[in-house]
């Protein structure tokens, strides 16, 4: 017991190493740009002020978004999705998987759940399996909302989980996906600005127009590091832009979500405009500001193939209000997503 605790504690410490590496590189880049380039190398006062002003705007936005991506805790399923004491007793007393699935199916009828568990059986048996197999987490003892997955690193179920990112030491999901995207965007902007402003002085050092000194090596490495990070960030940011446009998570891109009628990779795709609003919110003035503006509460997402009249959530609005009136969260959050 003590050994497992010690190993878990060491794992938590080591998980911060990628964050420390990124933070160290950023702090060094700040010193190299501000002091070695702007104060030591630049002689034009107006150019120095302009560089410092724009650099600090990019630096602040980068640090702000990185902080939010790291320290925004992952959203977890609400109490509505936890088994009640009586339901948990019924579930644990049943010995056959089919009987347990039936209990979960009965409970799930009261919840806004449409996805089902994966099946590895024969094609002719899959349809029946999809209709009955409610996604349930034995570790967290919760019925999983749509797009929710269990993270083995964070040891919890995460709403609209995208992936666990070691570079932010956090799960990227519903609560911080916007912050993660902005972090990638401002990281790219930071690298592009550094590379574009440093390049001319890199050339001057290279051809010998500027004297050798410590600033030369800082500027040389600053350019190489900025370009290296920009290339890697460009591919990662481009991939996540494609995911947002399709309204998919990284997990859904590799494994399509399953519904009673079978897998559907485009089930949550409502068009580029609606997909962007779902992540960034309705107010476009706040799209590039790292404050939470995503639509909904992460428990329910509109389906592309379901018209409003066919949506059981909207068709039974009064029923949801009566059933959830005693809970802490407002039921309207499901209806207005």
Protein backbone atom coordinates (compact mmCIF):
# COMPACT_ATOMS: atom_id res chain seq x y z
CA UNK A 1 0.00 0.00 0.00
CA UNK A 2 2.77 2.40 0.99
CA UNK A 3 4.75 1.40 -2.13
CA UNK A 4 1.84 2.11 -4.45
CA UNK A 5 1.36 5.53 -2.83
CA UNK A 6 5.05 6.30 -3.27
CA UNK A 7 4.94 5.26 -6.92
CA UNK A 8 1.84 7.37 -7.51
CA UNK A 9 3.52 10.35 -5.85
CA UNK A 10 6.64 9.91 -8.03
CA UNK A 11 4.45 9.63 -11.12
CA UNK A 12 2.77 12.93 -10.27
CA UNK A 13 6.15 14.61 -9.86
CA UNK A 14 7.54 13.23 -13.13
CA UNK A 15 4.36 14.24 -14.99
CA UNK A 16 5.38 17.89 -14.51
CA UNK A 17 8.69 17.43 -16.34
CA UNK A 18 7.28 18.34 -19.82
CA UNK A 19 5.68 21.49 -18.35
CA UNK A 20 8.97 22.43 -16.71
CA UNK A 21 10.80 21.91 -20.02
CA UNK A 22 8.36 24.15 -21.93
CA UNK A 23 8.45 26.80 -19.19
CA UNK A 24 12.27 26.78 -19.16
CA UNK A 25 12.47 27.22 -22.94
CA UNK A 26 9.95 30.08 -22.81
CA UNK A 27 11.82 31.83 -19.98
CA UNK A 28 15.09 31.51 -21.87
CA UNK A 29 13.45 32.86 -25.04
CA UNK A 30 12.21 35.84 -23.02
CA UNK A 31 15.74 36.60 -21.79
CA UNK A 32 17.30 36.06 -25.24
CA UNK A 33 14.79 38.27 -27.04
CA UNK A 34 14.34 41.09 -24.54
CA UNK A 35 17.88 41.47 -23.27
CA UNK A 36 20.23 39.97 -25.87
CA UNK A 37 18.31 41.16 -28.95
CA UNK A 38 16.41 44.28 -27.94
CA UNK A 39 18.79 45.85 -25.39
CA UNK A 40 22.17 44.57 -26.61
CA UNK A 41 21.83 44.16 -30.39
CA UNK A 42 19.25 46.75 -31.50
CA UNK A 43 20.45 50.32 -31.84
CA UNK A 44 17.29 51.92 -33.23
CA UNK A 45 15.21 53.13 -30.26
CA UNK A 46 11.88 53.18 -32.14
CA UNK A 47 12.41 49.66 -33.46
CA UNK A 48 13.30 48.45 -29.96
CA UNK A 49 10.09 49.89 -28.45
CA UNK A 50 7.92 48.39 -31.21
CA UNK A 51 9.55 44.96 -30.86
CA UNK A 52 9.21 44.98 -27.08
CA UNK A 53 5.57 46.05 -27.19
CA UNK A 54 4.42 43.41 -29.68
CA UNK A 55 6.59 40.74 -28.08
CA UNK A 56 5.08 41.28 -24.63
CA UNK A 57 1.53 41.10 -26.01
CA UNK A 58 2.33 37.72 -27.60
CA UNK A 59 4.17 36.58 -24.48
CA UNK A 60 1.31 37.50 -22.12
CA UNK A 61 -1.32 35.81 -24.29
CA UNK A 62 0.84 32.70 -24.58
CA UNK A 63 1.38 32.49 -20.80
CA UNK A 64 -2.30 33.18 -20.09
CA UNK A 65 -3.58 30.44 -22.40
CA UNK A 66 -0.90 27.97 -21.23
CA UNK A 67 -1.85 28.60 -17.61
CA UNK A 68 -5.55 28.07 -18.36
CA UNK A 69 -4.85 24.86 -20.29
CA UNK A 70 -2.80 23.49 -17.39
CA UNK A 71 -4.80 24.53 -14.36
CA UNK A 72 -8.41 24.29 -15.60
CA UNK A 73 -9.64 21.05 -14.01
CA UNK A 74 -11.36 18.54 -16.31
CA UNK A 75 -15.16 18.56 -16.13
CA UNK A 76 -16.66 15.35 -14.75
CA UNK A 77 -20.21 13.91 -15.02
CA UNK A 78 -22.77 15.45 -12.67
CA UNK A 79 -24.67 13.59 -9.96
CA UNK A 80 -27.48 12.84 -12.42
CA UNK A 81 -25.23 10.23 -14.02
CA UNK A 82 -24.20 8.51 -10.80
CA UNK A 83 -26.10 5.42 -9.71
CA UNK A 84 -28.37 5.92 -6.72
CA UNK A 85 -27.80 3.74 -3.67
CA UNK A 86 -30.69 1.43 -4.57
CA UNK A 87 -29.68 1.19 -8.25
CA UNK A 88 -26.09 0.45 -7.25
CA UNK A 89 -27.28 -2.36 -4.96
CA UNK A 90 -29.41 -3.83 -7.75
CA UNK A 91 -26.51 -3.59 -10.20
CA UNK A 92 -24.00 -5.26 -7.87
CA UNK A 93 -26.39 -8.04 -6.85
CA UNK A 94 -26.93 -9.13 -10.43
CA UNK A 95 -24.44 -11.77 -11.52
CA UNK A 96 -25.07 -11.90 -15.26
CA UNK A 97 -23.83 -9.14 -17.60
CA UNK A 98 -27.13 -9.15 -19.50
CA UNK A 99 -29.11 -8.37 -16.33
CA UNK A 100 -26.67 -5.59 -15.42
CA UNK A 101 -27.00 -4.12 -18.92
CA UNK A 102 -30.77 -4.17 -18.55
CA UNK A 103 -30.56 -2.22 -15.28
CA UNK A 104 -28.30 0.38 -16.86
CA UNK A 105 -30.62 0.65 -19.87
CA UNK A 106 -33.57 1.38 -17.57
CA UNK A 107 -31.64 4.10 -15.72
CA UNK A 108 -30.33 5.61 -18.96
CA UNK A 109 -33.88 6.20 -20.23
CA UNK A 110 -34.05 9.12 -17.78
CA UNK A 111 -30.81 10.64 -19.09
CA UNK A 112 -29.82 12.48 -22.32
CA UNK A 113 -27.70 9.59 -23.59
CA UNK A 114 -27.55 8.38 -27.19
CA UNK A 115 -24.12 6.75 -27.59
CA UNK A 116 -23.51 3.10 -26.84
CA UNK A 117 -20.55 0.87 -25.99
CA UNK A 118 -18.36 -0.65 -28.68
CA UNK A 119 -19.03 -4.21 -29.83
CA UNK A 120 -16.57 -6.79 -31.03
CA UNK A 121 -19.12 -9.43 -31.97
CA UNK A 122 -20.40 -10.75 -35.29
CA UNK A 123 -22.01 -8.12 -37.60
CA UNK A 124 -25.44 -9.77 -37.32
CA UNK A 125 -25.31 -9.48 -33.52
CA UNK A 126 -24.04 -5.91 -33.29
CA UNK A 127 -27.33 -4.04 -33.76
CA UNK A 128 -28.94 -5.70 -30.73
CA UNK A 129 -25.75 -5.09 -28.74
CA UNK A 130 -25.65 -1.40 -29.66
CA UNK A 131 -29.26 -0.93 -28.54
CA UNK A 132 -28.62 -2.41 -25.08
CA UNK A 133 -24.97 -1.61 -24.24
CA UNK A 134 -25.00 1.56 -22.12
CA UNK A 135 -21.55 3.02 -21.53
CA UNK A 136 -20.78 2.57 -17.82
CA UNK A 137 -17.54 3.29 -15.94
CA UNK A 138 -16.88 0.67 -13.26
CA UNK A 139 -14.13 2.78 -11.71
CA UNK A 140 -16.10 6.00 -11.33
CA UNK A 141 -19.45 4.21 -10.98
CA UNK A 142 -21.17 6.58 -13.42
CA UNK A 143 -23.13 6.17 -16.63
CA UNK A 144 -21.00 7.96 -19.20
CA UNK A 145 -22.59 10.93 -20.97
CA UNK A 146 -22.12 11.20 -24.72
CA UNK A 147 -18.48 11.86 -25.66
CA UNK A 148 -17.32 11.21 -22.09
CA UNK A 149 -14.35 8.88 -21.50
CA UNK A 150 -12.32 7.66 -18.54
CA UNK A 151 -8.76 8.98 -18.33
CA UNK A 152 -6.41 6.47 -16.74
CA UNK A 153 -3.88 9.21 -15.95
CA UNK A 154 -6.31 11.61 -14.25
CA UNK A 155 -8.23 8.61 -12.84
CA UNK A 156 -11.62 10.14 -13.59
CA UNK A 157 -14.24 10.35 -16.34
CA UNK A 158 -13.82 13.50 -18.42
CA UNK A 159 -16.63 15.23 -20.32
CA UNK A 160 -15.99 15.42 -24.08
CA UNK A 161 -12.50 14.07 -23.56
CA UNK A 162 -10.13 14.83 -26.43
CA UNK A 163 -6.85 13.43 -25.12
CA UNK A 164 -4.48 13.59 -22.16
CA UNK A 165 -1.71 16.03 -23.04
CA UNK A 166 1.63 15.60 -21.23
CA UNK A 167 2.75 19.09 -22.31
CA UNK A 168 0.02 20.66 -20.17
CA UNK A 169 -0.10 17.76 -17.69
CA UNK A 170 -3.87 17.78 -17.94
CA UNK A 171 -6.77 16.17 -19.72
CA UNK A 172 -7.98 18.23 -22.68
CA UNK A 173 -11.75 18.10 -22.72
CA UNK A 174 -14.92 20.15 -22.53
CA UNK A 175 -13.73 22.55 -19.82
CA UNK A 176 -10.38 23.53 -21.40
CA UNK A 177 -10.50 22.58 -25.10
CA UNK A 178 -10.89 26.24 -26.10
CA UNK A 179 -7.91 27.14 -23.91
CA UNK A 180 -5.84 24.36 -25.49
CA UNK A 181 -6.63 25.59 -29.01
CA UNK A 182 -5.77 29.18 -28.06
CA UNK A 183 -2.56 27.94 -26.45
CA UNK A 184 -1.56 26.33 -29.75
CA UNK A 185 -2.55 29.47 -31.68
CA UNK A 186 -0.65 31.94 -29.47
CA UNK A 187 2.33 29.58 -29.32
CA UNK A 188 2.49 29.68 -33.11
CA UNK A 189 2.09 33.48 -33.10
CA UNK A 190 4.87 33.77 -30.50
CA UNK A 191 7.22 31.62 -32.60
CA UNK A 192 6.36 33.41 -35.87
CA UNK A 193 6.98 36.85 -34.38
CA UNK A 194 10.30 35.81 -32.87
CA UNK A 195 11.51 34.13 -36.07
CA UNK A 196 10.44 36.99 -38.34
CA UNK A 197 12.08 39.71 -36.23
CA UNK A 198 15.24 37.75 -35.41
CA UNK A 199 15.95 36.57 -38.95
CA UNK A 200 17.57 39.79 -40.23
CA UNK A 201 19.96 39.88 -37.26
CA UNK A 202 20.71 36.20 -37.72
CA UNK A 203 21.83 37.07 -41.28
CA UNK A 204 23.93 40.01 -40.03
CA UNK A 205 25.69 37.83 -37.49
CA UNK A 206 26.17 35.13 -40.12
CA UNK A 207 27.86 37.46 -42.66
CA UNK A 208 29.85 39.30 -39.99
CA UNK A 209 28.07 42.67 -40.04
CA UNK A 210 27.63 42.48 -36.26
CA UNK A 211 30.42 41.77 -33.75
CA UNK A 212 30.72 38.36 -32.14
CA UNK A 213 29.56 38.02 -28.56
CA UNK A 214 27.12 36.16 -26.29
CA UNK A 215 24.18 37.78 -28.09
CA UNK A 216 25.16 36.04 -31.32
CA UNK A 217 24.64 32.54 -29.94
CA UNK A 218 21.37 33.47 -28.22
CA UNK A 219 19.98 34.89 -31.45
CA UNK A 220 21.14 31.90 -33.51
CA UNK A 221 19.50 29.41 -31.17
CA UNK A 222 16.44 31.62 -30.80
CA UNK A 223 15.76 31.40 -34.52
CA UNK A 224 16.28 27.65 -34.72
CA UNK A 225 14.12 26.92 -31.66
CA UNK A 226 11.32 29.23 -32.87
CA UNK A 227 11.25 27.59 -36.30
CA UNK A 228 11.39 24.08 -34.85
CA UNK A 229 8.47 24.69 -32.50
CA UNK A 230 6.51 26.52 -35.19
CA UNK A 231 6.67 23.57 -37.61
CA UNK A 232 5.49 21.06 -34.98
CA UNK A 233 2.77 23.42 -33.69
CA UNK A 234 1.57 24.16 -37.22
CA UNK A 235 0.74 20.49 -37.87
CA UNK A 236 -0.87 20.01 -34.45
CA UNK A 237 -2.92 23.20 -34.68
CA UNK A 238 -3.99 22.38 -38.24
CA UNK A 239 -5.15 18.93 -37.13
CA UNK A 240 -7.24 20.36 -34.29
CA UNK A 241 -8.74 22.99 -36.60
CA UNK A 242 -9.87 20.12 -38.82
CA UNK A 243 -11.33 18.35 -35.76
CA UNK A 244 -13.24 21.49 -34.73
CA UNK A 245 -14.58 21.93 -38.26
CA UNK A 246 -15.86 18.32 -38.18
CA UNK A 247 -16.94 18.52 -34.51
CA UNK A 248 -14.87 15.51 -33.53
CA UNK A 249 -12.51 14.83 -30.67
CA UNK A 250 -9.17 13.10 -31.16
CA UNK A 251 -10.67 9.91 -29.70
CA UNK A 252 -13.66 10.13 -32.07
CA UNK A 253 -11.35 10.65 -35.05
CA UNK A 254 -9.72 7.29 -34.33
CA UNK A 255 -12.86 5.47 -33.15
CA UNK A 256 -16.29 6.62 -34.31
CA UNK A 257 -18.94 7.07 -31.59
CA UNK A 258 -21.52 4.28 -31.56
CA UNK A 259 -25.29 4.80 -31.55
CA UNK A 260 -28.23 2.35 -31.37
CA UNK A 261 -28.11 2.05 -35.18
CA UNK A 262 -24.32 1.65 -35.29
CA UNK A 263 -21.18 3.83 -35.53
CA UNK A 264 -21.47 7.34 -36.98
CA UNK A 265 -18.35 9.48 -37.27
CA UNK A 266 -20.31 12.61 -38.27
CA UNK A 267 -23.15 12.38 -35.75
CA UNK A 268 -22.21 15.61 -33.93
CA UNK A 269 -21.29 17.59 -37.06
CA UNK A 270 -23.70 20.53 -37.34
CA UNK A 271 -21.75 22.51 -39.93
CA UNK A 272 -18.62 24.62 -39.54
CA UNK A 273 -20.40 27.67 -38.11
CA UNK A 274 -22.28 25.74 -35.41
CA UNK A 275 -19.23 23.62 -34.66
CA UNK A 276 -17.13 26.72 -34.04
CA UNK A 277 -19.83 28.22 -31.82
CA UNK A 278 -20.01 25.02 -29.79
CA UNK A 279 -16.32 25.38 -28.87
CA UNK A 280 -15.81 29.16 -28.84
CA UNK A 281 -19.30 30.42 -27.96
CA UNK A 282 -21.75 32.84 -29.55
CA UNK A 283 -19.84 36.07 -28.83
CA UNK A 284 -17.11 36.31 -31.49
CA UNK A 285 -15.38 39.13 -29.59
CA UNK A 286 -14.38 36.55 -26.97
CA UNK A 287 -13.21 33.83 -29.32
CA UNK A 288 -9.54 34.75 -28.93
CA UNK A 289 -9.74 35.56 -25.20
CA UNK A 290 -8.97 32.67 -22.80
CA UNK A 291 -12.25 32.83 -20.88
CA UNK A 292 -14.76 29.98 -20.91
CA UNK A 293 -17.46 30.60 -23.54
CA UNK A 294 -18.21 27.09 -24.87
CA UNK A 295 -21.87 26.19 -25.30
CA UNK A 296 -23.69 23.84 -22.95
CA UNK A 297 -22.46 21.95 -19.91
CA UNK A 298 -20.66 19.06 -21.61
CA UNK A 299 -23.34 16.42 -20.87
CA UNK A 300 -25.38 16.69 -24.06
CA UNK A 301 -24.49 17.60 -27.65
CA UNK A 302 -26.96 18.12 -30.53
CA UNK A 303 -27.04 15.34 -33.09
CA UNK A 304 -26.87 16.02 -36.81
CA UNK A 305 -29.35 13.28 -37.74
CA UNK A 306 -31.96 14.22 -35.14
CA UNK A 307 -34.54 16.85 -35.98
CA UNK A 308 -35.96 18.91 -33.11
CA UNK A 309 -39.34 17.14 -33.26
CA UNK A 310 -37.59 13.76 -32.98
CA UNK A 311 -35.29 14.76 -30.14
CA UNK A 312 -36.57 13.07 -26.96
CA UNK A 313 -34.94 15.77 -24.87
CA UNK A 314 -37.00 18.48 -26.51
CA UNK A 315 -40.11 16.36 -26.93
CA UNK A 316 -40.18 15.55 -23.21
CA UNK A 317 -39.07 18.91 -21.87
CA UNK A 318 -41.67 18.95 -19.08
CA UNK A 319 -40.61 15.48 -18.01
CA UNK A 320 -36.96 16.55 -17.66
CA UNK A 321 -37.92 19.55 -15.58
CA UNK A 322 -39.98 17.42 -13.19
CA UNK A 323 -37.35 14.69 -12.89
CA UNK A 324 -34.39 17.01 -12.32
CA UNK A 325 -36.04 19.70 -10.22
CA UNK A 326 -34.24 18.60 -7.06
CA UNK A 327 -30.73 18.49 -8.55
CA UNK A 328 -28.15 21.19 -8.16
CA UNK A 329 -27.79 21.90 -11.90
CA UNK A 330 -30.55 23.43 -13.95
CA UNK A 331 -32.21 21.03 -16.43
CA UNK A 332 -32.41 23.81 -18.95
CA UNK A 333 -28.69 23.38 -19.53
CA UNK A 334 -29.47 20.17 -21.43
CA UNK A 335 -32.31 21.74 -23.39
CA UNK A 336 -30.43 24.81 -24.57
CA UNK A 337 -27.14 23.21 -25.62
